[in-house]
Amino acid sequence: LATTTCSLFLLNVNVSIAPTPGKRQRLSSEITIKTIHTNARSGISGKLASAIFGEGRQSGAKLVKALVYEQSNGDLVNSRSNASSSSNSVVAKNMHILAATEHHLYSYSIRDSAKIWSCQLANIASEHFALNLWNSYDVEECSEWHEEIKTWILDVVNIRNGALVLFACSNKVVSKQIYFAFGYISEYDGAHPPADIEWFCVLKALSDKYEISEKNALADIALRLPTGSEQVLHDKMESVLVVTQKAIYSFSLPDRLLKKTPFKLVLCAKYNATFISSGKLYSLLCLLCIF
């Protein structure tokens, strides 16, 4: 269980059936809660202040997404697919939580209930945005506009033994536009954060759709994987969806996510759009149900 303030809990549901001769069997359940990490204030004074004034900003940054990965082989696993497994097996496998906020990544050990590492991934992405978009600018003026680069993490999903991150970036000195990019990381484990973004590509299809004044609308942009895409082999094309308030974009990822390997936009469709295929009509809203 993850809260919006980046508090993380492991819930374990124990169900037992009590035999009652001559009567219906009695079903009983018990939920035990293990705190992995919490931003709640401790102590009497802290709890009293929280009750009066609320948690406020001291509780930590807002959580964007929480994923789960196993340290033994470095594979990220979909938290939704593991919902039916017991929490005891999750602890036994030495699972970790990868939590993303607007600017940071955090790794938490479920077994040890402790934060293992943190990483300012947005700062790393800012350097990649600068190299990809503004590398031709005057070097002497670089320090001026470089300080104005603002980067956010919008969403993150499990993919190919790593994580695919959707970034947004602005540089008001150069432009009013908000730019978007994919970033892929996998070189991390239970002890070390990612040193760099292994694959980074700017999404040109989205980079002229939003301006800095529309930053609040970025919260509604989501990254989605079509059903079953996590089982696709490395040598096959793999799709990922970017869902905005206005349209849905489908991108095909390259075989290997390394450096600046190009990818392509397969589909851009606005809501209520109609597709004709094999003599049949499909509404975009119906297609969304598939994913």
C-alpha atoms as a PDB file:
ATOM      1  CA  LEU A   1       0.000   0.000   0.000  1.00  0.00           C
ATOM      2  CA  ALA A   2       1.477   3.346  -1.068  1.00  0.00           C
ATOM      3  CA  THR A   3       0.144   6.740  -0.030  1.00  0.00           C
ATOM      4  CA  THR A   4       0.429   9.995  -1.959  1.00  0.00           C
ATOM      5  CA  THR A   5       2.979  11.253   0.592  1.00  0.00           C
ATOM      6  CA  CYS A   6       5.303   8.302  -0.142  1.00  0.00           C
ATOM      7  CA  SER A   7       4.503   6.222   2.926  1.00  0.00           C
ATOM      8  CA  LEU A   8       4.726   2.487   2.174  1.00  0.00           C
ATOM      9  CA  PHE A   9       3.064  -0.414   3.984  1.00  0.00           C
ATOM     10  CA  LEU A  10       2.911  -4.178   3.429  1.00  0.00           C
ATOM     11  CA  LEU A  11      -0.533  -5.662   4.085  1.00  0.00           C
ATOM     12  CA  ASN A  12      -0.880  -9.352   4.881  1.00  0.00           C
ATOM     13  CA  VAL A  13      -4.368 -10.875   4.859  1.00  0.00           C
ATOM     14  CA  ASN A  14      -4.680 -14.130   6.812  1.00  0.00           C
ATOM     15  CA  VAL A  15      -7.868 -16.075   6.174  1.00  0.00           C
ATOM     16  CA  SER A  16      -8.837 -19.082   8.268  1.00  0.00           C
ATOM     17  CA  ILE A  17     -11.862 -21.378   8.400  1.00  0.00           C
ATOM     18  CA  ALA A  18     -13.020 -22.538  11.812  1.00  0.00           C
ATOM     19  CA  PRO A  19     -14.782 -25.952  11.716  1.00  0.00           C
ATOM     20  CA  THR A  20     -18.177 -25.865  13.406  1.00  0.00           C
ATOM     21  CA  PRO A  21     -19.857 -29.338  13.427  1.00  0.00           C
ATOM     22  CA  GLY A  22     -23.457 -29.247  12.310  1.00  0.00           C
ATOM     23  CA  LYS A  23     -23.228 -25.624  11.233  1.00  0.00           C
ATOM     24  CA  ARG A  24     -21.774 -23.578   8.451  1.00  0.00           C
ATOM     25  CA  GLN A  25     -18.031 -23.102   8.605  1.00  0.00           C
ATOM     26  CA  ARG A  26     -17.025 -19.790  10.078  1.00  0.00           C
ATOM     27  CA  LEU A  27     -14.678 -17.694   7.988  1.00  0.00           C
ATOM     28  CA  SER A  28     -12.387 -15.314   9.814  1.00  0.00           C
ATOM     29  CA  SER A  29      -9.786 -12.932   8.465  1.00  0.00           C
ATOM     30  CA  GLU A  30      -7.033 -10.811   9.933  1.00  0.00           C
ATOM     31  CA  ILE A  31      -4.990  -8.040   8.359  1.00  0.00           C
ATOM     32  CA  THR A  32      -1.494  -7.374   9.629  1.00  0.00           C
ATOM     33  CA  ILE A  33       0.335  -4.229   8.586  1.00  0.00           C
ATOM     34  CA  LYS A  34       4.097  -3.866   8.282  1.00  0.00           C
ATOM     35  CA  THR A  35       5.463  -0.342   7.927  1.00  0.00           C
ATOM     36  CA  ILE A  36       8.195  -0.189   5.288  1.00  0.00           C
ATOM     37  CA  HIS A  37       8.590   3.583   5.278  1.00  0.00           C
ATOM     38  CA  THR A  38       6.475   6.435   6.571  1.00  0.00           C
ATOM     39  CA  ASN A  39       6.722  10.212   6.505  1.00  0.00           C
ATOM     40  CA  ALA A  40       4.330  10.576   9.415  1.00  0.00           C
ATOM     41  CA  ARG A  41       5.676  12.558  12.328  1.00  0.00           C
ATOM     42  CA  SER A  42       6.681  10.561  15.378  1.00  0.00           C
ATOM     43  CA  GLY A  43       6.364  11.453  19.030  1.00  0.00           C
ATOM     44  CA  ILE A  44       3.509  13.096  20.895  1.00  0.00           C
ATOM     45  CA  SER A  45       4.358  16.647  19.798  1.00  0.00           C
ATOM     46  CA  GLY A  46       4.738  15.605  16.167  1.00  0.00           C
ATOM     47  CA  LYS A  47       1.438  13.749  16.099  1.00  0.00           C
ATOM     48  CA  LEU A  48      -0.312  16.658  17.834  1.00  0.00           C
ATOM     49  CA  ALA A  49       1.084  19.101  15.265  1.00  0.00           C
ATOM     50  CA  SER A  50      -0.070  16.822  12.443  1.00  0.00           C
ATOM     51  CA  ALA A  51      -3.570  16.642  13.918  1.00  0.00           C
ATOM     52  CA  ILE A  52      -3.808  20.436  14.228  1.00  0.00           C
ATOM     53  CA  PHE A  53      -1.965  21.678  11.154  1.00  0.00           C
ATOM     54  CA  GLY A  54      -1.943  18.605   8.914  1.00  0.00           C
ATOM     55  CA  GLU A  55       1.098  16.839   7.515  1.00  0.00           C
ATOM     56  CA  GLY A  56       2.114  19.699   5.246  1.00  0.00           C
ATOM     57  CA  ARG A  57       5.226  19.733   3.102  1.00  0.00           C
ATOM     58  CA  GLN A  58       7.386  18.213   5.808  1.00  0.00           C
ATOM     59  CA  SER A  59       5.808  14.849   5.042  1.00  0.00           C
ATOM     60  CA  GLY A  60       7.840  14.561   1.844  1.00  0.00           C
ATOM     61  CA  ALA A  61       7.259  14.903  -1.883  1.00  0.00           C
ATOM     62  CA  LYS A  62       4.157  13.573  -3.563  1.00  0.00           C
ATOM     63  CA  LEU A  63       4.426  10.001  -4.806  1.00  0.00           C
ATOM     64  CA  VAL A  64       4.184   9.536  -8.573  1.00  0.00           C
ATOM     65  CA  LYS A  65       4.436   5.725  -8.769  1.00  0.00           C
ATOM     66  CA  ALA A  66       5.616   2.768  -6.683  1.00  0.00           C
ATOM     67  CA  LEU A  67       6.974  -0.353  -8.415  1.00  0.00           C
ATOM     68  CA  VAL A  68       8.354  -3.612  -7.025  1.00  0.00           C
ATOM     69  CA  TYR A  69      11.528  -5.430  -8.047  1.00  0.00           C
ATOM     70  CA  GLU A  70      13.467  -8.461  -6.827  1.00  0.00           C
ATOM     71  CA  GLN A  71      17.097  -7.985  -5.837  1.00  0.00           C
ATOM     72  CA  SER A  72      18.158 -11.565  -6.583  1.00  0.00           C
ATOM     73  CA  ASN A  73      17.963 -11.159 -10.347  1.00  0.00           C
ATOM     74  CA  GLY A  74      17.328  -7.451 -10.740  1.00  0.00           C
ATOM     75  CA  ASP A  75      14.035  -8.081 -12.496  1.00  0.00           C
ATOM     76  CA  LEU A  76      11.253  -5.613 -12.026  1.00  0.00           C
ATOM     77  CA  VAL A  77       7.889  -7.252 -11.562  1.00  0.00           C
ATOM     78  CA  ASN A  78       4.459  -5.778 -11.981  1.00  0.00           C
ATOM     79  CA  SER A  79       2.943  -5.076  -8.587  1.00  0.00           C
ATOM     80  CA  ARG A  80      -0.502  -5.745  -9.991  1.00  0.00           C
ATOM     81  CA  SER A  81       0.423  -9.249 -11.111  1.00  0.00           C
ATOM     82  CA  ASN A  82       1.646 -10.084  -7.615  1.00  0.00           C
ATOM     83  CA  ALA A  83      -1.466  -8.913  -5.819  1.00  0.00           C
ATOM     84  CA  SER A  84      -2.673 -12.456  -5.258  1.00  0.00           C
ATOM     85  CA  SER A  85       0.592 -13.744  -3.763  1.00  0.00           C
ATOM     86  CA  SER A  86       1.125 -13.667  -0.030  1.00  0.00           C
ATOM     87  CA  SER A  87       3.192 -10.923   1.518  1.00  0.00           C
ATOM     88  CA  ASN A  88       5.350 -13.533   3.247  1.00  0.00           C
ATOM     89  CA  SER A  89       6.630 -14.794  -0.121  1.00  0.00           C
ATOM     90  CA  VAL A  90       7.319 -11.216  -1.165  1.00  0.00           C
ATOM     91  CA  VAL A  91       9.522 -10.709   1.885  1.00  0.00           C
ATOM     92  CA  ALA A  92      11.242 -14.079   1.398  1.00  0.00           C
ATOM     93  CA  LYS A  93      12.248 -13.151  -2.157  1.00  0.00           C
ATOM     94  CA  ASN A  94      13.950  -9.987  -0.897  1.00  0.00           C
ATOM     95  CA  MET A  95      11.728  -7.646  -2.858  1.00  0.00           C
ATOM     96  CA  HIS A  96      12.378  -3.928  -3.054  1.00  0.00           C
ATOM     97  CA  ILE A  97      10.125  -0.976  -3.799  1.00  0.00           C
ATOM     98  CA  LEU A  98      11.132   1.594  -6.405  1.00  0.00           C
ATOM     99  CA  ALA A  99       9.278   4.792  -5.489  1.00  0.00           C
ATOM    100  CA  ALA A 100       9.238   7.797  -7.816  1.00  0.00           C
ATOM    101  CA  THR A 101       8.410  11.380  -6.876  1.00  0.00           C
ATOM    102  CA  GLU A 102       8.562  14.425  -9.158  1.00  0.00           C
ATOM    103  CA  HIS A 103      12.340  14.657  -8.903  1.00  0.00           C
ATOM    104  CA  HIS A 104      13.671  11.586  -7.092  1.00  0.00           C
ATOM    105  CA  LEU A 105      13.825   7.804  -7.149  1.00  0.00           C
ATOM    106  CA  TYR A 106      13.975   5.849  -3.888  1.00  0.00           C
ATOM    107  CA  SER A 107      14.637   2.183  -3.206  1.00  0.00           C
ATOM    108  CA  TYR A 108      13.168   0.564  -0.095  1.00  0.00           C
ATOM    109  CA  SER A 109      13.797  -2.946   1.190  1.00  0.00           C
ATOM    110  CA  ILE A 110      10.549  -4.712   2.069  1.00  0.00           C
ATOM    111  CA  ARG A 111      12.364  -7.309   4.158  1.00  0.00           C
ATOM    112  CA  ASP A 112      14.388  -4.796   6.189  1.00  0.00           C
ATOM    113  CA  SER A 113      11.797  -1.973   6.148  1.00  0.00           C
ATOM    114  CA  ALA A 114      14.509   0.523   5.270  1.00  0.00           C
ATOM    115  CA  LYS A 115      15.444   3.010   2.578  1.00  0.00           C
ATOM    116  CA  ILE A 116      18.433   1.667   0.634  1.00  0.00           C
ATOM    117  CA  TRP A 117      19.252   4.548  -1.685  1.00  0.00           C
ATOM    118  CA  SER A 118      17.910   7.710  -3.289  1.00  0.00           C
ATOM    119  CA  CYS A 119      18.688   9.325  -6.630  1.00  0.00           C
ATOM    120  CA  GLN A 120      17.937  12.760  -8.103  1.00  0.00           C
ATOM    121  CA  LEU A 121      16.899  11.312 -11.444  1.00  0.00           C
ATOM    122  CA  ALA A 122      15.315  14.559 -12.652  1.00  0.00           C
ATOM    123  CA  ASN A 123      18.708  16.297 -12.450  1.00  0.00           C
ATOM    124  CA  ILE A 124      20.290  13.551 -14.542  1.00  0.00           C
ATOM    125  CA  ALA A 125      17.471  13.900 -17.085  1.00  0.00           C
ATOM    126  CA  SER A 126      18.019  17.681 -17.207  1.00  0.00           C
ATOM    127  CA  GLU A 127      21.541  17.099 -18.510  1.00  0.00           C
ATOM    128  CA  HIS A 128      20.200  14.842 -21.253  1.00  0.00           C
ATOM    129  CA  PHE A 129      17.541  17.407 -22.223  1.00  0.00           C
ATOM    130  CA  ALA A 130      20.252  20.078 -22.436  1.00  0.00           C
ATOM    131  CA  LEU A 131      22.453  17.932 -24.689  1.00  0.00           C
ATOM    132  CA  ASN A 132      19.558  16.934 -26.954  1.00  0.00           C
ATOM    133  CA  LEU A 133      17.730  20.267 -27.264  1.00  0.00           C
ATOM    134  CA  TRP A 134      20.096  23.143 -26.503  1.00  0.00           C
ATOM    135  CA  ASN A 135      23.567  21.798 -27.228  1.00  0.00           C
ATOM    136  CA  SER A 136      24.094  24.318 -30.056  1.00  0.00           C
ATOM    137  CA  TYR A 137      23.609  27.374 -27.837  1.00  0.00           C
ATOM    138  CA  ASP A 138      26.483  29.705 -27.006  1.00  0.00           C
ATOM    139  CA  VAL A 139      28.691  28.100 -24.365  1.00  0.00           C
ATOM    140  CA  GLU A 140      29.248  31.445 -22.603  1.00  0.00           C
ATOM    141  CA  GLU A 141      25.514  31.842 -22.132  1.00  0.00           C
ATOM    142  CA  CYS A 142      25.115  28.221 -21.083  1.00  0.00           C
ATOM    143  CA  SER A 143      25.283  28.878 -17.331  1.00  0.00           C
ATOM    144  CA  GLU A 144      22.471  31.413 -17.672  1.00  0.00           C
ATOM    145  CA  TRP A 145      19.833  29.193 -19.242  1.00  0.00           C
ATOM    146  CA  HIS A 146      21.121  25.936 -17.784  1.00  0.00           C
ATOM    147  CA  GLU A 147      19.974  27.046 -14.321  1.00  0.00           C
ATOM    148  CA  GLU A 148      16.449  27.574 -15.668  1.00  0.00           C
ATOM    149  CA  ILE A 149      15.985  23.971 -16.824  1.00  0.00           C
ATOM    150  CA  LYS A 150      13.205  22.367 -14.794  1.00  0.00           C
ATOM    151  CA  THR A 151      12.546  18.634 -15.136  1.00  0.00           C
ATOM    152  CA  TRP A 152       9.836  16.418 -13.623  1.00  0.00           C
ATOM    153  CA  ILE A 153       9.100  12.718 -13.497  1.00  0.00           C
ATOM    154  CA  LEU A 154       5.559  12.180 -14.795  1.00  0.00           C
ATOM    155  CA  ASP A 155       5.253   8.385 -14.695  1.00  0.00           C
ATOM    156  CA  VAL A 156       7.255   5.165 -14.641  1.00  0.00           C
ATOM    157  CA  VAL A 157       6.478   1.564 -15.639  1.00  0.00           C
ATOM    158  CA  ASN A 158       8.178  -1.835 -15.381  1.00  0.00           C
ATOM    159  CA  ILE A 159       9.767  -2.951 -18.622  1.00  0.00           C
ATOM    160  CA  ARG A 160      12.631  -5.238 -19.764  1.00  0.00           C
ATOM    161  CA  ASN A 161      14.255  -5.860 -16.385  1.00  0.00           C
ATOM    162  CA  GLY A 162      14.259  -2.142 -15.705  1.00  0.00           C
ATOM    163  CA  ALA A 163      12.069   0.933 -15.609  1.00  0.00           C
ATOM    164  CA  LEU A 164      10.876   3.257 -18.371  1.00  0.00           C
ATOM    165  CA  VAL A 165      10.422   6.821 -17.125  1.00  0.00           C
ATOM    166  CA  LEU A 166       8.384   9.601 -18.734  1.00  0.00           C
ATOM    167  CA  PHE A 167       9.989  13.021 -18.172  1.00  0.00           C
ATOM    168  CA  ALA A 168       8.790  16.580 -18.774  1.00  0.00           C
ATOM    169  CA  CYS A 169      11.126  19.556 -19.050  1.00  0.00           C
ATOM    170  CA  SER A 170      10.974  23.328 -19.523  1.00  0.00           C
ATOM    171  CA  ASN A 171      13.532  26.082 -20.096  1.00  0.00           C
ATOM    172  CA  LYS A 172      11.798  29.451 -19.935  1.00  0.00           C
ATOM    173  CA  VAL A 173      14.923  31.326 -21.068  1.00  0.00           C
ATOM    174  CA  VAL A 174      14.787  29.556 -24.429  1.00  0.00           C
ATOM    175  CA  SER A 175      11.116  28.696 -24.967  1.00  0.00           C
ATOM    176  CA  LYS A 176       7.670  28.525 -23.354  1.00  0.00           C
ATOM    177  CA  GLN A 177       7.282  24.929 -24.506  1.00  0.00           C
ATOM    178  CA  ILE A 178       7.259  21.866 -22.297  1.00  0.00           C
ATOM    179  CA  TYR A 179       9.300  19.012 -23.728  1.00  0.00           C
ATOM    180  CA  PHE A 180       8.847  15.297 -23.073  1.00  0.00           C
ATOM    181  CA  ALA A 181      11.206  12.329 -23.205  1.00  0.00           C
ATOM    182  CA  PHE A 182      11.551   8.641 -22.408  1.00  0.00           C
ATOM    183  CA  GLY A 183      14.368   7.489 -20.161  1.00  0.00           C
ATOM    184  CA  TYR A 184      15.313   3.879 -19.420  1.00  0.00           C
ATOM    185  CA  ILE A 185      17.269   2.658 -16.391  1.00  0.00           C
ATOM    186  CA  SER A 186      18.247  -0.834 -15.299  1.00  0.00           C
ATOM    187  CA  GLU A 187      21.765  -0.584 -13.848  1.00  0.00           C
ATOM    188  CA  TYR A 188      20.762  -0.571 -10.188  1.00  0.00           C
ATOM    189  CA  ASP A 189      20.216  -3.128  -7.463  1.00  0.00           C
ATOM    190  CA  GLY A 190      19.485  -3.243  -3.775  1.00  0.00           C
ATOM    191  CA  ALA A 191      22.625  -1.281  -2.892  1.00  0.00           C
ATOM    192  CA  HIS A 192      23.395   1.158  -5.709  1.00  0.00           C
ATOM    193  CA  PRO A 193      21.264   3.795  -7.467  1.00  0.00           C
ATOM    194  CA  PRO A 194      21.448   4.280 -11.252  1.00  0.00           C
ATOM    195  CA  ALA A 195      24.496   6.338 -12.202  1.00  0.00           C
ATOM    196  CA  ASP A 196      22.974   7.537 -15.469  1.00  0.00           C
ATOM    197  CA  ILE A 197      20.048   7.096 -17.839  1.00  0.00           C
ATOM    198  CA  GLU A 198      20.979   4.311 -20.261  1.00  0.00           C
ATOM    199  CA  TRP A 199      18.571   5.298 -23.047  1.00  0.00           C
ATOM    200  CA  PHE A 200      17.098   8.776 -23.527  1.00  0.00           C
ATOM    201  CA  CYS A 201      14.915  10.011 -26.400  1.00  0.00           C
ATOM    202  CA  VAL A 202      12.924  13.223 -26.729  1.00  0.00           C
ATOM    203  CA  LEU A 203       9.266  12.761 -27.733  1.00  0.00           C
ATOM    204  CA  LYS A 204       8.930  15.245 -30.576  1.00  0.00           C
ATOM    205  CA  ALA A 205       5.292  14.293 -31.122  1.00  0.00           C
ATOM    206  CA  LEU A 206       4.347  15.709 -27.714  1.00  0.00           C
ATOM    207  CA  SER A 207       6.826  18.546 -27.365  1.00  0.00           C
ATOM    208  CA  ASP A 208       4.678  21.192 -29.055  1.00  0.00           C
ATOM    209  CA  LYS A 209       1.437  20.379 -27.234  1.00  0.00           C
ATOM    210  CA  TYR A 210       1.986  22.035 -23.838  1.00  0.00           C
ATOM    211  CA  GLU A 211       3.394  25.321 -22.553  1.00  0.00           C
ATOM    212  CA  ILE A 212       4.856  26.220 -19.155  1.00  0.00           C
ATOM    213  CA  SER A 213       1.551  27.826 -18.111  1.00  0.00           C
ATOM    214  CA  GLU A 214      -0.099  24.385 -18.473  1.00  0.00           C
ATOM    215  CA  LYS A 215       2.199  22.602 -16.015  1.00  0.00           C
ATOM    216  CA  ASN A 216      -0.721  21.544 -13.792  1.00  0.00           C
ATOM    217  CA  ALA A 217      -2.161  19.524 -16.690  1.00  0.00           C
ATOM    218  CA  LEU A 218       0.921  17.297 -16.690  1.00  0.00           C
ATOM    219  CA  ALA A 219      -0.423  15.415 -13.667  1.00  0.00           C
ATOM    220  CA  ASP A 220      -3.015  13.797 -15.956  1.00  0.00           C
ATOM    221  CA  ILE A 221      -0.446  12.414 -18.417  1.00  0.00           C
ATOM    222  CA  ALA A 222       0.153   8.691 -17.914  1.00  0.00           C
ATOM    223  CA  LEU A 223       2.447   5.996 -19.267  1.00  0.00           C
ATOM    224  CA  ARG A 224       0.794   2.649 -20.024  1.00  0.00           C
ATOM    225  CA  LEU A 225       1.836  -0.750 -21.350  1.00  0.00           C
ATOM    226  CA  PRO A 226      -0.525  -2.843 -23.510  1.00  0.00           C
ATOM    227  CA  THR A 227      -1.562  -6.143 -21.945  1.00  0.00           C
ATOM    228  CA  GLY A 228       1.136  -8.797 -22.108  1.00  0.00           C
ATOM    229  CA  SER A 229       3.890  -6.468 -23.284  1.00  0.00           C
ATOM    230  CA  GLU A 230       6.107  -7.392 -20.352  1.00  0.00           C
ATOM    231  CA  GLN A 231       6.406 -10.923 -21.728  1.00  0.00           C
ATOM    232  CA  VAL A 232       7.640  -9.749 -25.147  1.00  0.00           C
ATOM    233  CA  LEU A 233      11.152 -10.907 -26.042  1.00  0.00           C
ATOM    234  CA  HIS A 234      13.984  -8.426 -26.514  1.00  0.00           C
ATOM    235  CA  ASP A 235      14.202  -8.988 -30.271  1.00  0.00           C
ATOM    236  CA  LYS A 236      10.600  -8.002 -30.918  1.00  0.00           C
ATOM    237  CA  MET A 237       9.035  -4.588 -31.224  1.00  0.00           C
ATOM    238  CA  GLU A 238       7.393  -3.463 -28.026  1.00  0.00           C
ATOM    239  CA  SER A 239       4.752  -0.772 -27.683  1.00  0.00           C
ATOM    240  CA  VAL A 240       4.163   1.788 -24.974  1.00  0.00           C
ATOM    241  CA  LEU A 241       1.285   4.252 -24.689  1.00  0.00           C
ATOM    242  CA  VAL A 242       1.337   7.866 -23.538  1.00  0.00           C
ATOM    243  CA  VAL A 243      -2.142   8.985 -22.491  1.00  0.00           C
ATOM    244  CA  THR A 244      -2.882  12.724 -22.300  1.00  0.00           C
ATOM    245  CA  GLN A 245      -6.078  14.721 -21.829  1.00  0.00           C
ATOM    246  CA  LYS A 246      -6.375  15.214 -25.571  1.00  0.00           C
ATOM    247  CA  ALA A 247      -4.995  12.126 -27.278  1.00  0.00           C
ATOM    248  CA  ILE A 248      -3.231   8.791 -27.002  1.00  0.00           C
ATOM    249  CA  TYR A 249       0.193   8.165 -28.508  1.00  0.00           C
ATOM    250  CA  SER A 250       1.547   4.702 -29.259  1.00  0.00           C
ATOM    251  CA  PHE A 251       5.316   4.286 -29.617  1.00  0.00           C
ATOM    252  CA  SER A 252       7.314   1.248 -30.721  1.00  0.00           C
ATOM    253  CA  LEU A 253      10.474   0.788 -28.692  1.00  0.00           C
ATOM    254  CA  PRO A 254      13.729  -0.392 -30.298  1.00  0.00           C
ATOM    255  CA  ASP A 255      15.221  -3.833 -29.732  1.00  0.00           C
ATOM    256  CA  ARG A 256      17.790  -2.495 -27.305  1.00  0.00           C
ATOM    257  CA  LEU A 257      17.353   0.546 -25.122  1.00  0.00           C
ATOM    258  CA  LEU A 258      20.869   1.962 -25.320  1.00  0.00           C
ATOM    259  CA  LYS A 259      22.088   5.559 -25.670  1.00  0.00           C
ATOM    260  CA  LYS A 260      20.101   7.319 -28.430  1.00  0.00           C
ATOM    261  CA  THR A 261      18.684   4.328 -30.311  1.00  0.00           C
ATOM    262  CA  PRO A 262      15.718   5.760 -32.278  1.00  0.00           C
ATOM    263  CA  PHE A 263      12.115   4.706 -31.892  1.00  0.00           C
ATOM    264  CA  LYS A 264       9.001   5.532 -33.878  1.00  0.00           C
ATOM    265  CA  LEU A 265       5.516   6.908 -33.328  1.00  0.00           C
ATOM    266  CA  VAL A 266       3.013   4.284 -34.469  1.00  0.00           C
ATOM    267  CA  LEU A 267      -0.263   6.019 -33.729  1.00  0.00           C
ATOM    268  CA  CYS A 268      -1.576   9.358 -32.498  1.00  0.00           C
ATOM    269  CA  ALA A 269      -5.320   9.451 -31.972  1.00  0.00           C
ATOM    270  CA  LYS A 270      -7.635  11.974 -30.393  1.00  0.00           C
ATOM    271  CA  TYR A 271     -10.508  10.860 -28.199  1.00  0.00           C
ATOM    272  CA  ASN A 272     -13.698   9.754 -29.983  1.00  0.00           C
ATOM    273  CA  ALA A 273     -11.663   9.024 -33.104  1.00  0.00           C
ATOM    274  CA  THR A 274     -12.870   6.165 -35.298  1.00  0.00           C
ATOM    275  CA  PHE A 275     -10.647   3.561 -36.944  1.00  0.00           C
ATOM    276  CA  ILE A 276     -11.536   1.421 -39.949  1.00  0.00           C
ATOM    277  CA  SER A 277      -9.861  -1.986 -40.075  1.00  0.00           C
ATOM    278  CA  SER A 278     -10.942  -5.101 -42.013  1.00  0.00           C
ATOM    279  CA  GLY A 279     -14.307  -3.554 -42.725  1.00  0.00           C
ATOM    280  CA  LYS A 280     -15.042  -2.876 -39.058  1.00  0.00           C
ATOM    281  CA  LEU A 281     -15.334   0.356 -37.126  1.00  0.00           C
ATOM    282  CA  TYR A 282     -13.573   0.747 -33.791  1.00  0.00           C
ATOM    283  CA  SER A 283     -14.006   3.634 -31.415  1.00  0.00           C
ATOM    284  CA  LEU A 284     -10.897   4.822 -29.571  1.00  0.00           C
ATOM    285  CA  LEU A 285     -12.740   4.445 -26.279  1.00  0.00           C
ATOM    286  CA  CYS A 286     -13.390   0.784 -27.101  1.00  0.00           C
ATOM    287  CA  LEU A 287      -9.754   0.230 -28.000  1.00  0.00           C
ATOM    288  CA  LEU A 288      -8.744   1.622 -24.631  1.00  0.00           C
ATOM    289  CA  CYS A 289     -10.647  -1.168 -22.912  1.00  0.00           C
ATOM    290  CA  ILE A 290      -8.173  -3.640 -24.421  1.00  0.00           C
ATOM    291  CA  PHE A 291      -5.346  -2.000 -22.515  1.00  0.00           C
END
